[in-house]
Each structure stands twice: as C-alpha cells, then as structure tokens.
Amino acid sequence: EKAYLGLGKTCFVRLEYEEAIAALSAAIQLKKEYPEAHVGLAEIYLFLEDFEQAAKHYLEAIQINPEYPEPYLGLSIVTLKQKKWNKSLEYHKMYAKISQRLANPKILTEKPAS
C-alpha cells in the first residue's frame, strides 16, 4: 500500500490526476484504514475543486485517526473555499491544537502549575 501511496503522490505532482486517484484508491483497497491515502485523495479533489469529495476523504481520515492533524487543515481550506467561515476557523483551531500536542508531548502529561 505504501507503493501505491508514493505512486499517487508522484502522479499528482506530475498532474496525472486520474492515475493519482486510481493509485490512492488502490492503496485504500489494500489497507482500509489508511488515513494518509485518504488525505492524498482529498488533496487531489481539493485541487480539482471537488469540495464534496475532498471533505469526504478528510473526514474519513479523521474517523480512522482523530489525532492526525493534516485532515483538519484540509477541511479548514475546504470550508474556507465554501465560505463557511466559522467552520473553517473551527477546523483550523483543531489542527493547531493537535499539531501543538504532537510537537510537545508534555502538554499531554503535565499538570498545570498552581
């Protein structure tokens, strides 16, 4: 499945969208819970301005791994393009919170100073 993920990303960069979608879809067929492949598909659909499909794949990635920050950033962009300002801000805040927590694991374990 990682080979298909790499192929999908390469095809996307080469502007071969149908091939990229096929490769990333194949990766998901091999490994159902593959958030990176869903994010890859979402990025292609976002680029193609198919916001419904982009949102679908970002949400699937979140369902698989709620602590994976990239889909929240992607949904922030999708909702921004749809002029859903409040939802976009909400997703961006979630992205920032998760990213900060992952960058500084002490945030998870430290107790606040009294």
Protein backbone atom coordinates (compact mmCIF):
# COMPACT_ATOMS: atom_id res chain seq x y z
CA GLU A 1 0.00 0.00 0.00
CA LYS A 2 2.91 2.39 0.59
CA ALA A 3 4.00 1.92 -3.01
CA TYR A 4 0.53 2.99 -4.16
CA LEU A 5 0.66 5.99 -1.82
CA GLY A 6 4.00 7.03 -3.30
CA LEU A 7 2.76 6.46 -6.83
CA GLY A 8 -0.36 8.50 -6.13
CA LYS A 9 1.68 11.42 -4.80
CA THR A 10 4.05 11.23 -7.77
CA CYS A 11 1.18 11.19 -10.27
CA PHE A 12 -0.42 14.17 -8.53
CA VAL A 13 2.79 16.19 -8.79
CA ARG A 14 3.01 15.24 -12.45
CA LEU A 15 -0.59 16.48 -12.93
CA GLU A 16 -1.79 12.95 -13.75
CA TYR A 17 -4.94 13.21 -11.65
CA GLU A 18 -6.82 10.12 -12.84
CA GLU A 19 -3.74 7.96 -12.28
CA ALA A 20 -3.19 9.52 -8.84
CA ILE A 21 -6.78 8.83 -7.82
CA ALA A 22 -6.50 5.25 -9.07
CA ALA A 23 -3.25 4.62 -7.17
CA LEU A 24 -4.53 6.10 -3.90
CA SER A 25 -7.81 4.21 -4.23
CA ALA A 26 -5.80 1.00 -4.71
CA ALA A 27 -3.86 1.79 -1.52
CA ILE A 28 -7.15 2.09 0.36
CA GLN A 29 -8.37 -1.20 -1.13
CA LEU A 30 -5.28 -2.90 0.27
CA LYS A 31 -5.43 -1.18 3.65
CA LYS A 32 -8.91 0.04 4.57
CA GLU A 33 -7.75 2.23 7.46
CA TYR A 34 -5.13 4.31 5.69
CA PRO A 35 -5.59 7.98 6.64
CA GLU A 36 -2.61 9.16 4.58
CA ALA A 37 -4.18 7.76 1.40
CA HIS A 38 -7.49 9.45 2.22
CA VAL A 39 -5.67 12.74 2.74
CA GLY A 40 -3.89 12.24 -0.58
CA LEU A 41 -7.21 11.72 -2.34
CA ALA A 42 -8.71 14.70 -0.54
CA GLU A 43 -5.83 16.93 -1.67
CA ILE A 44 -6.40 15.94 -5.29
CA TYR A 45 -10.13 16.60 -5.05
CA LEU A 46 -9.45 19.92 -3.31
CA PHE A 47 -7.12 20.89 -6.14
CA LEU A 48 -9.80 19.88 -8.66
CA GLU A 49 -12.32 21.91 -6.62
CA ASP A 50 -14.50 18.88 -5.90
CA PHE A 51 -15.09 20.04 -2.34
CA GLU A 52 -17.64 17.35 -1.53
CA GLN A 53 -15.20 14.52 -2.32
CA ALA A 54 -12.34 16.36 -0.62
CA ALA A 55 -14.36 16.77 2.59
CA LYS A 56 -15.47 13.13 2.44
CA HIS A 57 -11.90 11.85 2.37
CA TYR A 58 -10.64 14.29 5.01
CA LEU A 59 -13.48 13.17 7.30
CA GLU A 60 -12.68 9.50 6.64
CA ALA A 61 -9.06 10.15 7.62
CA ILE A 62 -10.23 11.78 10.86
CA GLN A 63 -12.54 8.87 11.59
CA ILE A 64 -9.59 6.49 11.22
CA ASN A 65 -7.19 8.62 13.28
CA PRO A 66 -8.61 11.66 15.11
CA GLU A 67 -5.08 12.64 16.21
CA TYR A 68 -3.78 13.03 12.63
CA PRO A 69 -3.67 16.83 12.13
CA GLU A 70 -3.49 17.16 8.32
CA PRO A 71 -7.16 16.38 7.59
CA TYR A 72 -8.25 19.19 9.90
CA LEU A 73 -6.10 21.65 7.98
CA GLY A 74 -7.53 20.33 4.72
CA LEU A 75 -11.09 20.70 5.99
CA SER A 76 -10.23 24.22 7.07
CA ILE A 77 -9.28 25.02 3.48
CA VAL A 78 -12.33 23.25 2.00
CA THR A 79 -14.74 25.12 4.26
CA LEU A 80 -12.90 28.40 3.63
CA LYS A 81 -13.37 27.92 -0.13
CA GLN A 82 -17.05 27.19 0.55
CA LYS A 83 -17.23 30.47 2.54
CA LYS A 84 -18.14 28.61 5.71
CA TRP A 85 -16.00 30.93 7.81
CA ASN A 86 -16.88 29.68 11.30
CA LYS A 87 -16.46 26.02 10.36
CA SER A 88 -13.13 26.82 8.70
CA LEU A 89 -11.89 28.53 11.85
CA GLU A 90 -13.09 25.61 13.97
CA TYR A 91 -11.17 23.09 11.85
CA HIS A 92 -8.07 25.27 11.87
CA LYS A 93 -8.16 25.52 15.66
CA MET A 94 -8.44 21.73 15.88
CA TYR A 95 -5.46 21.40 13.54
CA ALA A 96 -3.40 23.81 15.65
CA LYS A 97 -4.34 22.09 18.91
CA ILE A 98 -3.44 18.60 17.67
CA SER A 99 -0.25 19.80 15.99
CA GLN A 100 0.86 21.56 19.16
CA ARG A 101 0.09 18.50 21.26
CA LEU A 102 2.07 16.25 18.89
CA ALA A 103 5.00 18.69 18.79
CA ASN A 104 5.11 18.93 22.59
CA PRO A 105 4.04 15.65 24.25
CA LYS A 106 4.49 17.25 27.69
CA ILE A 107 1.20 19.03 27.07
CA LEU A 108 -0.50 15.65 27.46
CA THR A 109 1.14 14.75 30.77
CA GLU A 110 2.00 17.96 32.61
CA LYS A 111 -0.31 19.25 35.30
CA PRO A 112 -0.95 22.98 35.34
CA ALA A 113 1.16 24.95 37.81
CA SER A 114 -0.78 26.10 40.85
